[in-house]
Amino acid sequence: MIVCTCGHKAEHHSDTAAIVLKRYSDTHGPYISYVVYCKPCADEATQYGEVLFNDKDIDNWLQTS
C-alpha cells in the first residue's frame, strides 16, 4: 500500500502521480512543492491550476511577486 501526500491510499504505483505544485508563503513568497498524489487528487489540482508542468512554468511561478 502507498500513502500519498494528499493523504489517500493507493494499491499500486500506477494509481499515483508525481507532480509539482504552486505554493505561496506570506513571509517568503512563491515556492514549489514536489508531491505524490493519487490520480483523482492530481486531476483536481490540475483542474484548479495548481500544477506546474515544466521548467518554464516553475521559473515563471518563482518569479511571481
C-alpha atoms as a PDB file:
ATOM      1  CA  MET A   1       0.000   0.000   0.000  1.00  0.00           C
ATOM      2  CA  ILE A   2       1.095   3.550  -0.760  1.00  0.00           C
ATOM      3  CA  VAL A   3       0.063   6.572   1.302  1.00  0.00           C
ATOM      4  CA  CYS A   4       0.111   9.636  -0.934  1.00  0.00           C
ATOM      5  CA  THR A   5       0.946  13.199   0.052  1.00  0.00           C
ATOM      6  CA  CYS A   6      -2.749  14.043  -0.367  1.00  0.00           C
ATOM      7  CA  GLY A   7      -3.490  11.545   2.410  1.00  0.00           C
ATOM      8  CA  HIS A   8      -5.222   8.975   0.233  1.00  0.00           C
ATOM      9  CA  LYS A   9      -4.061   5.381  -0.124  1.00  0.00           C
ATOM     10  CA  ALA A  10      -3.203   3.667  -3.394  1.00  0.00           C
ATOM     11  CA  GLU A  11      -2.637  -0.009  -4.037  1.00  0.00           C
ATOM     12  CA  HIS A  12      -0.271   0.414  -6.983  1.00  0.00           C
ATOM     13  CA  HIS A  13       2.328   2.945  -8.092  1.00  0.00           C
ATOM     14  CA  SER A  14       0.387   3.341 -11.346  1.00  0.00           C
ATOM     15  CA  ASP A  15      -2.503   4.820  -9.308  1.00  0.00           C
ATOM     16  CA  THR A  16      -0.330   7.799  -8.301  1.00  0.00           C
ATOM     17  CA  ALA A  17       1.116  10.891  -9.962  1.00  0.00           C
ATOM     18  CA  ALA A  18       4.305  12.763  -9.040  1.00  0.00           C
ATOM     19  CA  ILE A  19       3.544  16.448  -9.598  1.00  0.00           C
ATOM     20  CA  VAL A  20       4.921  19.914  -8.823  1.00  0.00           C
ATOM     21  CA  LEU A  21       2.522  22.287  -7.084  1.00  0.00           C
ATOM     22  CA  LYS A  22       2.406  26.061  -6.803  1.00  0.00           C
ATOM     23  CA  ARG A  23       2.681  27.177  -3.189  1.00  0.00           C
ATOM     24  CA  TYR A  24       2.849  30.606  -1.581  1.00  0.00           C
ATOM     25  CA  SER A  25       4.103  31.800   1.798  1.00  0.00           C
ATOM     26  CA  ASP A  26       3.184  35.236   3.144  1.00  0.00           C
ATOM     27  CA  THR A  27       6.710  35.615   4.531  1.00  0.00           C
ATOM     28  CA  HIS A  28       8.755  34.127   1.672  1.00  0.00           C
ATOM     29  CA  GLY A  29       6.570  34.411  -1.424  1.00  0.00           C
ATOM     30  CA  PRO A  30       6.137  31.745  -4.112  1.00  0.00           C
ATOM     31  CA  TYR A  31       7.726  28.324  -3.786  1.00  0.00           C
ATOM     32  CA  ILE A  32       7.152  24.856  -5.210  1.00  0.00           C
ATOM     33  CA  SER A  33       6.255  21.565  -3.606  1.00  0.00           C
ATOM     34  CA  TYR A  34       7.079  18.152  -5.081  1.00  0.00           C
ATOM     35  CA  VAL A  35       4.313  15.714  -4.109  1.00  0.00           C
ATOM     36  CA  VAL A  36       2.860  12.325  -4.948  1.00  0.00           C
ATOM     37  CA  TYR A  37      -0.931  12.467  -5.187  1.00  0.00           C
ATOM     38  CA  CYS A  38      -3.485   9.831  -6.031  1.00  0.00           C
ATOM     39  CA  LYS A  39      -4.671  10.307  -9.609  1.00  0.00           C
ATOM     40  CA  PRO A  40      -8.064  11.860  -8.685  1.00  0.00           C
ATOM     41  CA  CYS A  41      -6.371  14.475  -6.462  1.00  0.00           C
ATOM     42  CA  ALA A  42      -3.732  15.159  -9.136  1.00  0.00           C
ATOM     43  CA  ASP A  43      -6.505  15.678 -11.689  1.00  0.00           C
ATOM     44  CA  GLU A  44      -8.277  18.065  -9.313  1.00  0.00           C
ATOM     45  CA  ALA A  45      -5.077  20.048  -8.675  1.00  0.00           C
ATOM     46  CA  THR A  46      -4.591  20.311 -12.434  1.00  0.00           C
ATOM     47  CA  GLN A  47      -8.183  21.464 -12.900  1.00  0.00           C
ATOM     48  CA  TYR A  48      -7.686  24.230 -10.328  1.00  0.00           C
ATOM     49  CA  GLY A  49      -4.436  25.451 -11.939  1.00  0.00           C
ATOM     50  CA  GLU A  50      -2.149  24.383  -9.075  1.00  0.00           C
ATOM     51  CA  VAL A  51       0.194  22.163 -11.130  1.00  0.00           C
ATOM     52  CA  LEU A  52       3.395  23.314 -12.818  1.00  0.00           C
ATOM     53  CA  PHE A  53       4.198  21.193 -15.863  1.00  0.00           C
ATOM     54  CA  ASN A  54       7.731  22.121 -16.896  1.00  0.00           C
ATOM     55  CA  ASP A  55      10.808  24.163 -16.036  1.00  0.00           C
ATOM     56  CA  LYS A  56       9.428  27.275 -17.742  1.00  0.00           C
ATOM     57  CA  ASP A  57       6.248  27.092 -15.638  1.00  0.00           C
ATOM     58  CA  ILE A  58       8.359  26.668 -12.493  1.00  0.00           C
ATOM     59  CA  ASP A  59      10.628  29.608 -13.359  1.00  0.00           C
ATOM     60  CA  ASN A  60       7.635  31.834 -14.116  1.00  0.00           C
ATOM     61  CA  TRP A  61       5.943  30.901 -10.836  1.00  0.00           C
ATOM     62  CA  LEU A  62       9.056  31.520  -8.764  1.00  0.00           C
ATOM     63  CA  GLN A  63       9.426  34.992 -10.339  1.00  0.00           C
ATOM     64  CA  THR A  64       5.894  35.908  -9.185  1.00  0.00           C
ATOM     65  CA  SER A  65       5.839  38.615  -6.517  1.00  0.00           C
END
